[in-house]
Amino acid sequence: MKKACSAVLCLLLCCALQLGVFGLGSVEVSTVVPSEHEITVTYNEGGYVLLEGEILPSGTTLTVERFDDLTLDVICQSADHLKSVVINGEDVTDQMLYGQLSLTDVHTDMDIVFTFEKCADAKPLDPSDPDYDPEDPNKGADECVHFDVSGGVYRGDEPFPNAGLVFDFGEIETSADEDGAYAVDDIKDGFHTVTIYNPDGTVAGGTDFSVTVSDTATEVTVTKLPDGTQLVTVPEGVESILLDFIVNEDGTVTIVPGTESEPEVPITDIPIISQTGALIREYPVAAGATLVLLFGGIPFLFFLLRRKKKEEADENTAV
């Protein structure tokens, strides 16, 4: 009896296993793919990280749709520069271009760490450093380039007198004069913002721009990047540049290379003969020549006329 029961149980077990195997053929295995990702941005003192013109506080976590693009703008303070950018433990500093970090097709969560340091602390790598490059002995040194920038501020085609200019959220501030002329120093290569104010303190317009140095450029040019940032390209070795800011009716600001103004040629008043004393004092040589002409030339003219009359009289007598 026990053997019969055991045989029946074994038969039922085999049937159950077979049914299970056949059933597995219809089971679908799937994974859940997230539709969005979290991007955490962290940075120390010495600069700012911006998203669409707004400063992101350090430690901000952004939510980005899967496979979307993301561009972060980086502004260094006047005494600092960007040392490194690390994403999920990997150094991606070389991906920075024109002061911007562009992420395309985001498909994972990210921790992005920006590290700023004082320019004075940036020194070339020691030859014993693993990253030392004999072909680039200055690697690691501060490579920021500083410019003196001047030009004019315009509202349309007309000068914008007494306009206020604020760069990089207050890092550098100045005002235009009565003719709309301005001048600032210590603008570095990299990403910048500028806001232009009316004399009463209200905002007239603003724009983003980036300054880059090119060893092939022969003149200062301004072009637009895909995101609308205006790119100012400066020839290598140039220390001062001319840029004009034109405030448009819609509040946008157009940047164009400035031009050197032609110096005005002073108009010298032609001295008149009635100012004899001043003429002699200011132009002694010219005055002397004039007096010689007047007092020597006129008697000589009378002499010639008198001689001609005498010759005519002699001819008449001979006839």
Protein backbone atom coordinates (compact mmCIF):
# COMPACT_ATOMS: atom_id res chain seq x y z
CA MET A 1 0.00 0.00 0.00
CA LYS A 2 2.80 2.42 0.92
CA LYS A 3 4.59 1.57 -2.30
CA ALA A 4 1.44 2.28 -4.30
CA CYS A 5 1.00 5.66 -2.61
CA SER A 6 4.63 6.54 -3.24
CA ALA A 7 4.28 5.67 -6.90
CA VAL A 8 1.19 7.84 -7.23
CA LEU A 9 2.90 10.78 -5.51
CA CYS A 10 5.91 10.47 -7.81
CA LEU A 11 3.65 10.46 -10.83
CA LEU A 12 1.81 13.58 -9.64
CA LEU A 13 5.14 15.32 -8.93
CA CYS A 14 6.44 14.58 -12.41
CA CYS A 15 3.27 15.94 -13.97
CA ALA A 16 3.53 19.09 -11.88
CA LEU A 17 7.15 19.62 -12.92
CA GLN A 18 6.28 19.18 -16.57
CA LEU A 19 3.43 21.64 -16.32
CA GLY A 20 5.79 24.09 -14.63
CA VAL A 21 8.35 23.76 -17.38
CA PHE A 22 5.74 24.32 -20.07
CA GLY A 23 4.41 27.28 -18.13
CA LEU A 24 7.84 28.99 -17.99
CA GLY A 25 7.86 29.25 -21.74
CA SER A 26 5.16 31.89 -21.54
CA VAL A 27 6.71 33.95 -18.69
CA GLU A 28 8.02 37.39 -19.77
CA VAL A 29 11.04 38.80 -17.89
CA SER A 30 11.21 42.63 -17.89
CA THR A 31 13.13 45.44 -16.17
CA VAL A 32 11.87 48.87 -15.24
CA VAL A 33 13.79 51.68 -17.00
CA PRO A 34 13.56 55.05 -15.18
CA SER A 35 11.98 57.85 -17.15
CA GLU A 36 14.09 60.51 -15.42
CA HIS A 37 17.39 60.89 -13.61
CA GLU A 38 18.72 62.97 -10.73
CA ILE A 39 21.70 65.28 -11.21
CA THR A 40 23.30 66.60 -8.02
CA VAL A 41 25.54 69.66 -8.43
CA THR A 42 28.11 70.52 -5.74
CA TYR A 43 30.82 73.19 -5.73
CA ASN A 44 33.00 75.12 -3.30
CA GLU A 45 33.60 78.87 -2.94
CA GLY A 46 35.30 80.60 -5.83
CA GLY A 47 32.61 80.52 -8.48
CA TYR A 48 29.02 79.81 -9.48
CA VAL A 49 27.19 77.15 -11.46
CA LEU A 50 24.22 78.34 -13.52
CA LEU A 51 21.29 76.66 -15.23
CA GLU A 52 19.47 78.79 -17.80
CA GLY A 53 20.83 81.98 -16.30
CA GLU A 54 19.97 81.16 -12.68
CA ILE A 55 22.56 80.35 -10.00
CA LEU A 56 22.23 76.82 -8.61
CA PRO A 57 23.03 76.67 -4.88
CA SER A 58 25.66 74.05 -4.11
CA GLY A 59 24.01 70.71 -3.34
CA THR A 60 21.08 71.28 -5.70
CA THR A 61 19.52 68.12 -7.18
CA LEU A 62 18.01 68.46 -10.64
CA THR A 63 15.53 66.08 -12.25
CA VAL A 64 16.22 65.45 -15.93
CA GLU A 65 14.14 63.42 -18.36
CA ARG A 66 15.91 60.33 -19.67
CA PHE A 67 17.99 61.08 -22.80
CA ASP A 68 17.48 64.83 -22.42
CA ASP A 69 20.39 67.28 -22.74
CA LEU A 70 21.68 69.53 -19.97
CA THR A 71 24.06 72.51 -20.12
CA LEU A 72 25.61 74.02 -16.99
CA ASP A 73 27.39 77.38 -17.15
CA VAL A 74 30.33 78.07 -14.85
CA ILE A 75 31.44 81.54 -13.69
CA CYS A 76 34.73 81.93 -11.84
CA GLN A 77 35.13 84.77 -9.39
CA SER A 78 37.78 87.34 -10.29
CA ALA A 79 40.49 85.81 -8.07
CA ASP A 80 39.69 82.14 -8.76
CA HIS A 81 39.69 79.63 -11.56
CA LEU A 82 38.10 76.23 -12.17
CA LYS A 83 40.45 73.46 -11.07
CA SER A 84 38.44 70.35 -11.92
CA VAL A 85 35.05 68.84 -12.79
CA VAL A 86 34.28 65.30 -11.62
CA ILE A 87 31.21 63.24 -12.58
CA ASN A 88 30.57 60.06 -10.58
CA GLY A 89 34.25 59.94 -9.63
CA GLU A 90 35.57 60.50 -13.17
CA ASP A 91 37.50 63.67 -14.07
CA VAL A 92 35.79 65.34 -17.04
CA THR A 93 37.47 68.75 -16.86
CA ASP A 94 38.52 68.43 -20.50
CA GLN A 95 34.83 68.43 -21.47
CA MET A 96 34.46 72.05 -20.38
CA LEU A 97 34.17 74.34 -23.41
CA TYR A 98 33.78 78.13 -23.30
CA GLY A 99 32.98 77.88 -19.59
CA GLN A 100 30.13 75.43 -20.19
CA LEU A 101 29.60 71.74 -19.38
CA SER A 102 27.25 70.13 -21.91
CA LEU A 103 25.69 66.74 -21.10
CA THR A 104 23.91 64.96 -23.96
CA ASP A 105 21.51 62.00 -23.77
CA VAL A 106 21.47 61.78 -19.98
CA HIS A 107 20.86 58.10 -19.12
CA THR A 108 22.00 57.75 -15.52
CA ASP A 109 22.01 59.56 -12.18
CA MET A 110 25.00 61.88 -11.72
CA ASP A 111 26.95 63.53 -8.94
CA ILE A 112 28.83 66.49 -10.44
CA VAL A 113 31.50 68.19 -8.34
CA PHE A 114 33.06 71.50 -9.47
CA THR A 115 36.22 72.57 -7.63
CA PHE A 116 37.46 76.17 -7.70
CA GLU A 117 40.80 77.39 -6.38
CA LYS A 118 42.62 80.69 -5.99
CA CYS A 119 44.69 81.68 -9.00
CA ALA A 120 47.70 82.23 -6.75
CA ASP A 121 47.47 78.59 -5.62
CA ALA A 122 47.64 77.23 -9.15
CA LYS A 123 51.23 76.07 -9.74
CA PRO A 124 52.83 73.89 -12.40
CA LEU A 125 52.96 70.19 -11.56
CA ASP A 126 56.11 68.86 -9.98
CA PRO A 127 58.13 66.55 -12.29
CA SER A 128 57.54 63.75 -9.77
CA ASP A 129 53.76 64.04 -10.21
CA PRO A 130 52.26 61.13 -12.21
CA ASP A 131 50.34 63.63 -14.35
CA TYR A 132 53.45 65.68 -15.20
CA ASP A 133 53.87 66.16 -18.94
CA PRO A 134 57.40 67.06 -20.18
CA GLU A 135 55.84 68.57 -23.30
CA ASP A 136 53.63 70.80 -21.16
CA PRO A 137 55.77 71.88 -18.19
CA ASN A 138 53.20 74.55 -17.23
CA LYS A 139 50.43 72.00 -16.82
CA GLY A 140 48.53 72.74 -13.64
CA ALA A 141 49.34 76.46 -13.63
CA ASP A 142 46.67 79.11 -13.82
CA GLU A 143 45.83 79.43 -17.49
CA CYS A 144 43.26 82.20 -17.09
CA VAL A 145 43.81 85.16 -19.39
CA HIS A 146 42.75 88.61 -18.22
CA PHE A 147 41.61 91.47 -20.46
CA ASP A 148 40.95 95.18 -20.19
CA VAL A 149 37.61 95.78 -21.91
CA SER A 150 36.27 99.13 -23.10
CA GLY A 151 33.85 100.46 -25.66
CA GLY A 152 30.40 101.99 -25.82
CA VAL A 153 26.89 101.24 -24.58
CA TYR A 154 24.08 101.98 -27.03
CA ARG A 155 20.30 101.96 -26.98
CA GLY A 156 19.64 101.05 -30.57
CA ASP A 157 21.75 103.39 -32.70
CA GLU A 158 22.11 106.09 -30.05
CA PRO A 159 24.65 106.26 -27.20
CA PHE A 160 23.28 105.19 -23.82
CA PRO A 161 24.58 107.82 -21.37
CA ASN A 162 25.07 106.92 -17.69
CA ALA A 163 24.10 103.27 -18.23
CA GLY A 164 25.12 100.91 -15.43
CA LEU A 165 26.93 97.65 -16.26
CA VAL A 166 27.08 94.70 -13.83
CA PHE A 167 29.15 91.66 -14.79
CA ASP A 168 28.85 88.19 -13.26
CA PHE A 169 26.22 89.03 -10.64
CA GLY A 170 28.21 91.90 -9.16
CA GLU A 171 31.79 90.66 -9.50
CA ILE A 172 32.56 93.73 -11.63
CA GLU A 173 30.49 96.93 -11.84
CA THR A 174 30.93 100.17 -13.76
CA SER A 175 28.96 103.01 -15.35
CA ALA A 176 29.06 104.59 -18.78
CA ASP A 177 29.80 108.31 -19.10
CA GLU A 178 27.68 110.98 -20.77
CA ASP A 179 28.70 109.65 -24.19
CA GLY A 180 27.95 106.02 -23.32
CA ALA A 181 31.63 105.07 -23.05
CA TYR A 182 32.70 102.51 -20.42
CA ALA A 183 35.84 100.67 -19.34
CA VAL A 184 36.49 97.68 -17.05
CA ASP A 185 39.52 95.53 -16.31
CA ASP A 186 40.15 91.96 -15.23
CA ILE A 187 37.59 90.25 -17.45
CA LYS A 188 38.86 86.67 -17.80
CA ASP A 189 38.40 84.13 -20.51
CA GLY A 190 35.39 81.90 -19.87
CA PHE A 191 31.66 82.38 -19.31
CA HIS A 192 30.18 85.73 -18.19
CA THR A 193 26.89 87.53 -17.71
CA VAL A 194 26.21 91.24 -18.12
CA THR A 195 23.17 93.23 -17.00
CA ILE A 196 22.70 96.81 -18.19
CA TYR A 197 20.72 99.25 -16.05
CA ASN A 198 18.96 102.52 -16.76
CA PRO A 199 20.17 105.55 -14.77
CA ASP A 200 17.15 105.10 -12.47
CA GLY A 201 18.28 101.57 -11.53
CA THR A 202 15.78 99.59 -13.59
CA VAL A 203 17.00 96.81 -15.85
CA ALA A 204 17.39 97.78 -19.50
CA GLY A 205 18.68 94.45 -20.78
CA GLY A 206 21.18 91.65 -20.37
CA THR A 207 22.96 88.77 -22.06
CA ASP A 208 25.40 85.91 -21.57
CA PHE A 209 28.75 85.84 -23.33
CA SER A 210 31.92 83.80 -23.30
CA VAL A 211 35.48 84.92 -24.04
CA THR A 212 37.95 82.53 -25.66
CA VAL A 213 41.53 82.94 -26.91
CA SER A 214 42.51 81.65 -30.34
CA ASP A 215 46.03 81.29 -31.74
CA THR A 216 44.64 81.50 -35.28
CA ALA A 217 42.39 84.56 -34.91
CA THR A 218 43.66 87.85 -36.33
CA GLU A 219 40.94 90.12 -34.95
CA VAL A 220 38.23 90.18 -32.29
CA THR A 221 35.02 88.54 -33.51
CA VAL A 222 31.61 87.83 -31.95
CA THR A 223 29.51 84.81 -32.95
CA LYS A 224 26.57 82.96 -31.39
CA LEU A 225 26.67 79.49 -29.83
CA PRO A 226 23.68 77.13 -30.30
CA ASP A 227 22.22 78.12 -26.92
CA GLY A 228 22.36 81.84 -27.77
CA THR A 229 25.50 82.63 -25.77
CA GLN A 230 27.62 85.20 -27.62
CA LEU A 231 31.18 83.96 -28.14
CA VAL A 232 33.91 86.61 -28.18
CA THR A 233 37.06 85.25 -29.85
CA VAL A 234 40.28 87.14 -29.10
CA PRO A 235 43.66 86.68 -30.83
CA GLU A 236 46.37 85.20 -28.63
CA GLY A 237 48.58 87.82 -26.97
CA VAL A 238 45.95 90.57 -26.96
CA GLU A 239 45.54 92.21 -23.55
CA SER A 240 42.82 94.80 -24.22
CA ILE A 241 39.71 94.55 -26.38
CA LEU A 242 36.93 96.85 -27.58
CA LEU A 243 33.34 95.64 -27.22
CA ASP A 244 30.13 97.59 -27.76
CA PHE A 245 26.91 96.58 -25.98
CA ILE A 246 23.73 97.42 -27.90
CA VAL A 247 20.47 97.26 -25.90
CA ASN A 248 17.57 96.27 -28.14
CA GLU A 249 13.90 97.17 -27.67
CA ASP A 250 13.03 93.66 -26.43
CA GLY A 251 15.65 93.78 -23.66
CA THR A 252 18.19 91.59 -25.41
CA VAL A 253 21.74 92.85 -25.76
CA THR A 254 23.84 92.47 -28.88
CA ILE A 255 27.63 92.49 -28.54
CA VAL A 256 29.76 93.74 -31.44
CA PRO A 257 33.50 94.41 -31.73
CA GLY A 258 34.25 98.06 -31.05
CA THR A 259 36.31 100.30 -33.31
CA GLU A 260 38.95 102.86 -32.51
CA SER A 261 37.53 106.37 -32.81
CA GLU A 262 39.39 108.67 -35.18
CA PRO A 263 41.09 111.54 -33.34
CA GLU A 264 39.61 114.93 -34.18
CA VAL A 265 41.94 117.18 -36.15
CA PRO A 266 41.98 120.63 -34.54
CA ILE A 267 41.05 123.50 -36.89
CA THR A 268 43.65 126.25 -36.70
CA ASP A 269 42.28 129.77 -37.07
CA ILE A 270 43.91 131.63 -39.92
CA PRO A 271 45.41 134.81 -38.46
CA ILE A 272 44.08 138.05 -39.93
CA ILE A 273 46.21 141.08 -40.69
CA SER A 274 44.38 143.25 -38.15
CA GLN A 275 45.98 141.22 -35.38
CA THR A 276 49.41 142.44 -36.30
CA GLY A 277 50.90 142.38 -32.83
CA ALA A 278 49.62 138.86 -32.00
CA LEU A 279 50.67 137.65 -35.45
CA ILE A 280 54.21 138.87 -34.96
CA ARG A 281 54.45 137.26 -31.51
CA GLU A 282 52.92 133.90 -32.53
CA TYR A 283 54.30 133.58 -36.06
CA PRO A 284 57.50 135.68 -36.17
CA VAL A 285 58.85 134.06 -39.35
CA ALA A 286 55.58 134.32 -41.24
CA ALA A 287 55.09 137.87 -40.00
CA GLY A 288 58.59 138.86 -41.09
CA ALA A 289 58.02 137.47 -44.55
CA THR A 290 54.71 139.32 -44.80
CA LEU A 291 56.28 142.62 -43.76
CA VAL A 292 59.10 142.21 -46.25
CA LEU A 293 56.54 141.56 -48.97
CA LEU A 294 54.45 144.56 -48.00
CA PHE A 295 57.20 147.12 -47.43
CA GLY A 296 59.66 145.81 -49.99
CA GLY A 297 57.40 144.54 -52.72
CA ILE A 298 55.16 147.64 -53.11
CA PRO A 299 58.03 150.14 -53.71
CA PHE A 300 59.53 147.71 -56.20
CA LEU A 301 56.20 147.58 -58.04
CA PHE A 302 56.11 151.40 -58.25
CA PHE A 303 59.67 151.34 -59.56
CA LEU A 304 58.70 148.98 -62.36
CA LEU A 305 55.66 151.07 -63.34
CA ARG A 306 57.71 154.30 -63.36
CA ARG A 307 60.41 152.70 -65.47
CA LYS A 308 57.87 151.48 -68.01
CA LYS A 309 56.34 154.96 -68.34
CA LYS A 310 59.77 156.47 -68.88
CA GLU A 311 60.54 153.97 -71.64
CA GLU A 312 57.25 154.80 -73.37
CA ALA A 313 58.03 158.57 -73.12
CA ASP A 314 61.48 158.06 -74.66
CA GLU A 315 59.94 156.12 -77.55
CA ASN A 316 57.45 158.91 -78.26
CA THR A 317 60.24 161.53 -78.24
CA ALA A 318 62.27 159.53 -80.74
CA VAL A 319 59.34 159.34 -83.11
